[in-house]
N, C-alpha and C. Protein backbone atom coordinates (compact mmCIF):
# COMPACT_ATOMS: atom_id res chain seq x y z
N MET A 1 13.18 -14.93 13.03
CA MET A 1 13.63 -13.61 13.24
C MET A 1 12.77 -12.74 12.35
N LYS A 2 12.33 -11.50 12.95
CA LYS A 2 11.58 -10.58 12.31
C LYS A 2 12.39 -9.45 11.60
N LEU A 3 12.38 -9.33 10.43
CA LEU A 3 12.90 -8.43 9.53
C LEU A 3 12.09 -7.21 9.39
N ARG A 4 13.05 -6.10 9.35
CA ARG A 4 12.24 -4.75 9.13
C ARG A 4 13.00 -4.29 7.75
N PRO A 5 12.18 -3.33 7.10
CA PRO A 5 12.53 -2.82 5.79
C PRO A 5 13.53 -1.82 6.10
N SER A 6 14.47 -1.76 5.02
CA SER A 6 15.57 -0.78 5.11
C SER A 6 15.22 0.46 5.53
N LEU A 7 16.17 1.46 6.05
CA LEU A 7 15.81 2.61 6.28
C LEU A 7 15.53 3.38 5.06
N ALA A 8 16.11 2.99 3.96
CA ALA A 8 15.91 3.84 2.60
C ALA A 8 14.56 3.35 2.03
N ILE A 9 13.95 2.24 2.38
CA ILE A 9 12.58 1.97 1.79
C ILE A 9 11.62 2.65 2.78
N VAL A 10 11.91 2.80 4.06
CA VAL A 10 10.93 3.56 4.98
C VAL A 10 11.00 5.01 4.62
N ALA A 11 12.18 5.60 4.34
CA ALA A 11 12.21 6.90 4.06
C ALA A 11 11.44 7.26 2.73
N ALA A 12 11.73 6.27 1.81
CA ALA A 12 10.95 6.86 0.36
C ALA A 12 9.43 6.76 0.62
N ALA A 13 9.11 5.70 1.31
CA ALA A 13 7.47 5.40 1.56
C ALA A 13 7.13 6.56 2.45
N THR A 14 7.73 6.95 3.33
CA THR A 14 7.38 8.17 4.30
C THR A 14 7.12 9.45 3.36
N LEU A 15 8.10 9.62 2.24
CA LEU A 15 8.00 10.84 1.47
C LEU A 15 6.82 10.52 0.57
N THR A 16 6.74 9.40 -0.08
CA THR A 16 5.48 9.29 -1.05
C THR A 16 4.23 9.54 -0.18
N MET A 17 4.10 9.03 1.02
CA MET A 17 2.79 9.42 1.98
C MET A 17 2.63 10.56 2.24
N VAL A 18 3.92 11.61 2.52
CA VAL A 18 3.74 12.91 2.71
C VAL A 18 3.14 13.51 1.54
N LEU A 19 3.81 13.15 0.44
CA LEU A 19 3.38 13.78 -0.86
C LEU A 19 1.94 13.66 -1.17
N ALA A 20 1.59 12.31 -0.97
CA ALA A 20 0.34 11.78 -1.32
C ALA A 20 -0.63 12.56 -0.29
N GLY A 21 -0.56 13.16 0.88
CA GLY A 21 -1.44 13.71 1.67
C GLY A 21 -1.30 15.21 1.66
N CYS A 22 -0.59 15.78 1.05
CA CYS A 22 -0.38 17.48 0.83
C CYS A 22 -1.29 17.81 -0.12
N GLY A 23 -2.07 18.97 0.08
CA GLY A 23 -2.78 19.81 -0.75
C GLY A 23 -3.84 19.15 -1.42
N GLY A 24 -4.78 18.62 -0.92
CA GLY A 24 -5.76 18.02 -1.37
C GLY A 24 -6.72 18.87 -2.29
N ASP A 25 -6.64 20.11 -2.03
CA ASP A 25 -7.68 21.07 -2.79
C ASP A 25 -7.11 21.72 -4.03
N ARG A 26 -5.89 21.43 -4.43
CA ARG A 26 -5.29 22.09 -5.60
C ARG A 26 -5.66 21.11 -6.89
N GLU A 27 -5.25 21.83 -7.92
CA GLU A 27 -5.50 20.96 -9.06
C GLU A 27 -4.65 19.75 -9.22
N SER A 28 -4.81 18.71 -9.92
CA SER A 28 -4.01 17.57 -9.93
C SER A 28 -2.65 17.77 -10.36
N ASP A 29 -1.71 17.26 -9.80
CA ASP A 29 -0.41 17.53 -10.13
C ASP A 29 0.32 16.29 -10.65
N GLY A 30 -0.48 15.21 -10.82
CA GLY A 30 -0.11 13.79 -11.04
C GLY A 30 0.17 12.87 -9.92
N ILE A 31 0.16 13.63 -8.80
CA ILE A 31 0.36 12.67 -7.50
C ILE A 31 -1.17 12.32 -6.85
N GLY A 32 -1.35 11.11 -6.99
CA GLY A 32 -2.62 10.74 -6.40
C GLY A 32 -2.53 10.97 -4.68
N ARG A 33 -3.69 11.05 -4.15
CA ARG A 33 -3.82 11.32 -2.79
C ARG A 33 -4.81 10.24 -2.03
N THR A 34 -4.68 10.23 -0.90
CA THR A 34 -5.57 9.18 0.02
C THR A 34 -5.82 9.92 1.17
N GLU A 35 -6.83 9.54 1.69
CA GLU A 35 -7.18 9.74 3.13
C GLU A 35 -7.58 8.55 3.89
N ASN A 36 -7.46 8.65 5.24
CA ASN A 36 -7.78 7.30 6.00
C ASN A 36 -9.25 7.16 5.89
N VAL A 37 -9.83 6.04 6.15
CA VAL A 37 -10.95 5.59 6.49
C VAL A 37 -11.02 4.62 7.78
N ALA A 38 -12.16 4.30 8.33
CA ALA A 38 -12.18 3.49 9.24
C ALA A 38 -11.69 2.03 8.87
N ALA A 39 -11.02 1.26 9.69
CA ALA A 39 -10.48 -0.20 9.28
C ALA A 39 -11.68 -1.09 8.92
N ASP A 40 -12.82 -0.72 9.49
CA ASP A 40 -14.27 -1.73 9.26
C ASP A 40 -15.06 -1.32 8.30
N ALA A 41 -14.78 -0.02 7.49
CA ALA A 41 -15.72 0.56 6.46
C ALA A 41 -15.58 -0.38 5.24
N THR A 42 -16.66 -0.19 4.62
CA THR A 42 -16.94 -0.95 3.24
C THR A 42 -15.80 -0.24 2.44
N VAL A 43 -15.21 -1.09 1.77
CA VAL A 43 -14.05 -0.67 0.76
C VAL A 43 -14.31 -1.22 -0.66
N THR A 44 -13.64 -0.87 -1.67
CA THR A 44 -13.65 -1.16 -2.90
C THR A 44 -12.77 -2.35 -3.25
N TYR A 45 -11.66 -2.34 -2.70
CA TYR A 45 -10.53 -3.36 -2.95
C TYR A 45 -10.01 -3.77 -1.55
N GLU A 46 -9.82 -4.90 -1.50
CA GLU A 46 -9.38 -5.56 -0.01
C GLU A 46 -8.37 -6.64 -0.31
N TYR A 47 -7.13 -6.53 0.30
CA TYR A 47 -6.09 -7.45 0.07
C TYR A 47 -5.76 -8.02 1.43
N ARG A 48 -5.32 -9.33 1.69
CA ARG A 48 -4.81 -9.80 3.02
C ARG A 48 -3.51 -10.63 2.83
N VAL A 49 -2.64 -10.02 3.94
CA VAL A 49 -1.24 -10.74 3.87
C VAL A 49 -1.44 -11.74 4.85
N PRO A 50 -1.41 -13.18 4.52
CA PRO A 50 -1.71 -14.29 5.70
C PRO A 50 -0.54 -14.46 6.54
N PHE A 51 -1.10 -14.89 7.54
CA PHE A 51 -0.18 -15.46 8.69
C PHE A 51 0.76 -16.41 7.95
N GLY A 52 1.99 -16.23 8.27
CA GLY A 52 3.28 -17.01 7.54
C GLY A 52 3.83 -16.66 6.16
N THR A 53 3.24 -15.54 5.61
CA THR A 53 3.99 -15.09 4.44
C THR A 53 5.38 -14.76 4.50
N GLY A 54 5.86 -14.27 5.60
CA GLY A 54 7.45 -13.96 5.66
C GLY A 54 8.17 -15.25 5.92
N GLU A 55 7.74 -16.30 6.43
CA GLU A 55 8.48 -17.42 6.44
C GLU A 55 8.24 -18.26 5.06
N ARG A 56 7.23 -18.09 4.46
CA ARG A 56 7.24 -18.63 3.03
C ARG A 56 8.12 -17.94 2.20
N MET A 57 8.35 -16.60 2.33
CA MET A 57 9.31 -15.73 1.53
C MET A 57 10.79 -16.28 1.76
N ASP A 58 10.86 -16.30 3.21
CA ASP A 58 12.12 -16.60 3.70
C ASP A 58 12.57 -18.12 3.11
N GLY A 59 11.55 -18.97 2.98
CA GLY A 59 11.90 -20.10 2.20
C GLY A 59 12.14 -20.42 0.68
N GLY A 60 12.05 -19.31 0.22
CA GLY A 60 12.33 -18.93 -1.26
C GLY A 60 11.10 -18.99 -2.11
N GLU A 61 9.93 -19.11 -1.46
CA GLU A 61 8.70 -18.92 -2.19
C GLU A 61 8.37 -17.59 -2.63
N VAL A 62 7.89 -17.38 -3.87
CA VAL A 62 7.30 -16.07 -4.36
C VAL A 62 5.90 -16.03 -4.12
N VAL A 63 5.56 -14.78 -3.40
CA VAL A 63 4.20 -14.67 -3.21
C VAL A 63 3.65 -13.53 -3.95
N GLU A 64 2.32 -13.91 -4.40
CA GLU A 64 1.66 -13.01 -5.37
C GLU A 64 0.40 -12.35 -4.62
N ILE A 65 0.56 -11.58 -3.66
CA ILE A 65 -0.73 -11.00 -2.75
C ILE A 65 -1.23 -9.78 -3.31
N MET A 66 -0.26 -8.87 -4.12
CA MET A 66 -0.72 -7.59 -4.57
C MET A 66 -0.59 -7.61 -6.06
N PRO A 67 -1.35 -6.94 -6.78
CA PRO A 67 -0.90 -6.96 -8.09
C PRO A 67 0.25 -5.73 -8.31
N ALA A 68 0.76 -5.74 -9.28
CA ALA A 68 1.74 -4.81 -9.48
C ALA A 68 1.26 -3.20 -9.98
N GLU A 69 0.08 -3.41 -10.39
CA GLU A 69 -0.76 -2.06 -10.69
C GLU A 69 -2.23 -2.38 -10.59
N LEU A 70 -2.72 -1.16 -10.08
CA LEU A 70 -4.43 -1.21 -9.78
C LEU A 70 -4.71 0.13 -10.17
N THR A 71 -5.77 0.18 -11.03
CA THR A 71 -6.56 1.24 -11.68
C THR A 71 -7.86 1.41 -10.61
N VAL A 72 -7.90 2.78 -10.27
CA VAL A 72 -9.16 3.04 -9.12
C VAL A 72 -9.48 4.42 -9.66
N LYS A 73 -10.82 4.61 -9.04
CA LYS A 73 -11.37 6.10 -9.38
C LYS A 73 -11.52 6.82 -7.98
N VAL A 74 -11.45 8.17 -8.21
CA VAL A 74 -11.51 8.98 -6.82
C VAL A 74 -12.66 8.59 -6.18
N GLY A 75 -12.62 8.45 -4.81
CA GLY A 75 -13.80 8.06 -4.02
C GLY A 75 -13.72 6.54 -3.80
N GLU A 76 -13.13 5.72 -4.57
CA GLU A 76 -12.95 4.32 -4.29
C GLU A 76 -11.92 4.07 -3.14
N SER A 77 -11.84 2.97 -2.50
CA SER A 77 -11.04 2.66 -1.34
C SER A 77 -10.32 1.42 -1.16
N ILE A 78 -9.27 1.26 -0.57
CA ILE A 78 -8.65 -0.06 -0.33
C ILE A 78 -8.49 -0.29 1.11
N ARG A 79 -8.53 -1.70 1.28
CA ARG A 79 -8.07 -2.04 2.78
C ARG A 79 -7.12 -3.12 2.54
N ILE A 80 -5.92 -3.01 3.41
CA ILE A 80 -4.95 -4.09 3.30
C ILE A 80 -4.78 -4.37 4.95
N ILE A 81 -5.08 -5.90 4.98
CA ILE A 81 -4.91 -6.40 6.20
C ILE A 81 -3.81 -7.29 6.26
N ASN A 82 -2.89 -7.07 7.30
CA ASN A 82 -1.55 -7.81 7.58
C ASN A 82 -1.57 -8.73 8.70
N ASP A 83 -2.10 -10.05 8.49
CA ASP A 83 -2.31 -11.07 9.45
C ASP A 83 -0.87 -11.72 9.78
N ASP A 84 0.24 -11.19 9.11
CA ASP A 84 1.58 -11.85 9.48
C ASP A 84 2.28 -11.11 10.65
N LEU A 85 3.27 -11.69 10.97
CA LEU A 85 4.19 -11.33 12.06
C LEU A 85 5.27 -10.31 11.53
N ARG A 86 5.30 -10.12 10.47
CA ARG A 86 6.26 -9.13 9.65
C ARG A 86 5.61 -7.99 9.10
N ASP A 87 6.06 -6.68 9.29
CA ASP A 87 5.74 -5.41 8.62
C ASP A 87 6.05 -5.61 7.08
N TYR A 88 5.25 -4.95 6.19
CA TYR A 88 5.70 -5.02 4.80
C TYR A 88 5.41 -3.57 4.23
N MET A 89 6.12 -3.16 3.30
CA MET A 89 6.04 -2.06 2.39
C MET A 89 5.15 -2.62 1.02
N ILE A 90 4.03 -2.03 0.79
CA ILE A 90 3.11 -2.39 -0.23
C ILE A 90 2.71 -1.15 -0.81
N GLY A 91 3.63 -0.86 -1.93
CA GLY A 91 3.42 0.53 -2.65
C GLY A 91 3.85 1.47 -1.96
N PRO A 92 2.89 2.41 -1.71
CA PRO A 92 3.03 3.62 -0.66
C PRO A 92 2.72 3.55 0.48
N PHE A 93 2.38 2.34 0.79
CA PHE A 93 1.85 1.93 2.31
C PHE A 93 2.91 1.09 3.09
N PHE A 94 2.96 1.74 4.27
CA PHE A 94 3.71 0.75 5.24
C PHE A 94 2.77 -0.07 6.21
N VAL A 95 2.55 -1.39 6.23
CA VAL A 95 1.64 -1.94 6.78
C VAL A 95 2.16 -2.69 7.91
N MET A 96 2.10 -2.55 9.13
CA MET A 96 2.64 -2.97 10.25
C MET A 96 1.85 -4.61 10.70
N ALA A 97 2.81 -5.54 10.99
CA ALA A 97 2.27 -6.77 11.43
C ALA A 97 1.11 -6.73 12.42
N GLY A 98 0.10 -7.20 11.87
CA GLY A 98 -1.34 -7.53 12.71
C GLY A 98 -1.97 -6.18 12.59
N GLN A 99 -1.81 -5.36 11.68
CA GLN A 99 -2.53 -3.97 11.55
C GLN A 99 -3.47 -4.09 10.22
N THR A 100 -4.30 -3.41 10.19
CA THR A 100 -5.24 -3.02 9.17
C THR A 100 -4.90 -1.57 8.43
N LEU A 101 -4.73 -1.35 7.19
CA LEU A 101 -4.84 -0.07 6.62
C LEU A 101 -5.92 0.15 5.72
N ALA A 102 -6.60 1.26 5.96
CA ALA A 102 -7.79 1.51 4.95
C ALA A 102 -7.69 3.09 4.51
N MET A 103 -7.79 3.12 3.29
CA MET A 103 -7.60 4.47 2.58
C MET A 103 -8.47 4.62 1.23
N ARG A 104 -9.00 5.83 1.22
CA ARG A 104 -9.76 6.43 0.13
C ARG A 104 -8.92 7.24 -0.61
N PHE A 105 -9.14 7.00 -2.00
CA PHE A 105 -8.36 7.72 -2.95
C PHE A 105 -9.20 9.01 -3.20
N THR A 106 -8.41 10.16 -3.02
CA THR A 106 -9.20 11.56 -3.06
C THR A 106 -8.91 12.37 -4.26
N ASN A 107 -7.79 12.27 -4.86
CA ASN A 107 -7.21 13.10 -5.98
C ASN A 107 -6.64 12.03 -7.07
N PRO A 108 -6.93 12.69 -8.47
CA PRO A 108 -6.22 11.65 -9.42
C PRO A 108 -4.98 11.89 -9.48
N GLY A 109 -4.40 10.93 -10.21
CA GLY A 109 -2.51 10.82 -10.01
C GLY A 109 -2.21 9.39 -10.05
N VAL A 110 -0.81 9.24 -9.68
CA VAL A 110 -0.32 7.96 -9.50
C VAL A 110 0.41 7.88 -8.23
N ILE A 111 0.12 6.93 -7.44
CA ILE A 111 1.00 6.49 -6.01
C ILE A 111 1.54 5.35 -6.51
N GLU A 112 2.92 5.28 -6.02
CA GLU A 112 3.44 4.16 -6.33
C GLU A 112 4.75 3.87 -5.34
N GLY A 113 5.06 2.63 -5.21
CA GLY A 113 6.21 2.38 -4.38
C GLY A 113 6.59 0.90 -4.37
N VAL A 114 7.54 0.49 -3.50
CA VAL A 114 8.06 -0.88 -3.53
C VAL A 114 7.06 -1.67 -2.83
N CYS A 115 6.97 -2.91 -3.40
CA CYS A 115 6.08 -3.84 -3.03
C CYS A 115 6.63 -5.22 -2.42
N GLN A 116 6.67 -5.49 -1.19
CA GLN A 116 7.36 -6.78 -0.86
C GLN A 116 6.65 -8.03 -0.98
N VAL A 117 5.32 -7.86 -1.51
CA VAL A 117 4.43 -9.06 -1.55
C VAL A 117 3.82 -9.22 -2.95
N ASN A 118 4.80 -9.11 -3.80
CA ASN A 118 4.44 -9.48 -5.36
C ASN A 118 5.72 -9.65 -5.95
N SER A 119 6.04 -10.49 -6.92
CA SER A 119 6.98 -10.71 -7.74
C SER A 119 7.60 -9.62 -8.46
N GLU A 120 6.81 -8.63 -8.97
CA GLU A 120 7.33 -7.47 -9.53
C GLU A 120 8.31 -6.46 -8.80
N GLY A 121 7.71 -6.57 -7.33
CA GLY A 121 8.69 -5.73 -6.34
C GLY A 121 8.10 -4.21 -6.41
N ARG A 122 6.94 -3.89 -6.90
CA ARG A 122 6.46 -2.72 -6.95
C ARG A 122 4.98 -2.61 -7.09
N PHE A 123 4.30 -1.56 -6.61
CA PHE A 123 2.85 -1.67 -6.65
C PHE A 123 2.48 -0.10 -7.08
N ALA A 124 1.79 0.02 -8.13
CA ALA A 124 1.60 1.52 -8.69
C ALA A 124 -0.01 1.53 -8.88
N ILE A 125 -0.63 2.67 -8.22
CA ILE A 125 -1.94 2.81 -8.14
C ILE A 125 -2.18 3.94 -9.12
N THR A 126 -3.01 3.94 -10.09
CA THR A 126 -3.55 5.06 -10.88
C THR A 126 -4.87 5.37 -10.45
N VAL A 127 -4.99 6.76 -10.09
CA VAL A 127 -6.25 7.09 -9.62
C VAL A 127 -6.93 7.98 -10.59
N LEU A 128 -8.02 7.61 -11.12
CA LEU A 128 -8.56 8.40 -12.24
C LEU A 128 -9.80 9.30 -11.60
N GLU A 129 -10.40 10.42 -12.23
CA GLU A 129 -11.47 11.09 -11.98
C GLU A 129 -12.63 10.18 -11.78
């Protein structure tokens, strides 16, 4: 059975992404920002959620795909490939089943959220100048 994240998690992630995408030209307010890049672009960091991850988690296995914290620089980028049949909250990002998300970090600050694919249950990205 395919499970969906709770409405509260999706709402929190949406708010985080909206805040992360607003006002890219103003001084840093502590909220890191991102912009989309092509899914096949060269990136600085890449993570893959393998097929069967959801079933492994349903069976009680703890998966460690993402770190709890990642420090990056403005201009660096991340790609998250979801090869599983399940959608996941991965920090500030909602990555649908079978989809690839690729983002470039555009402003210094912190971007964070719930992470379903690490034992910490959160993923925080600190973006430095």
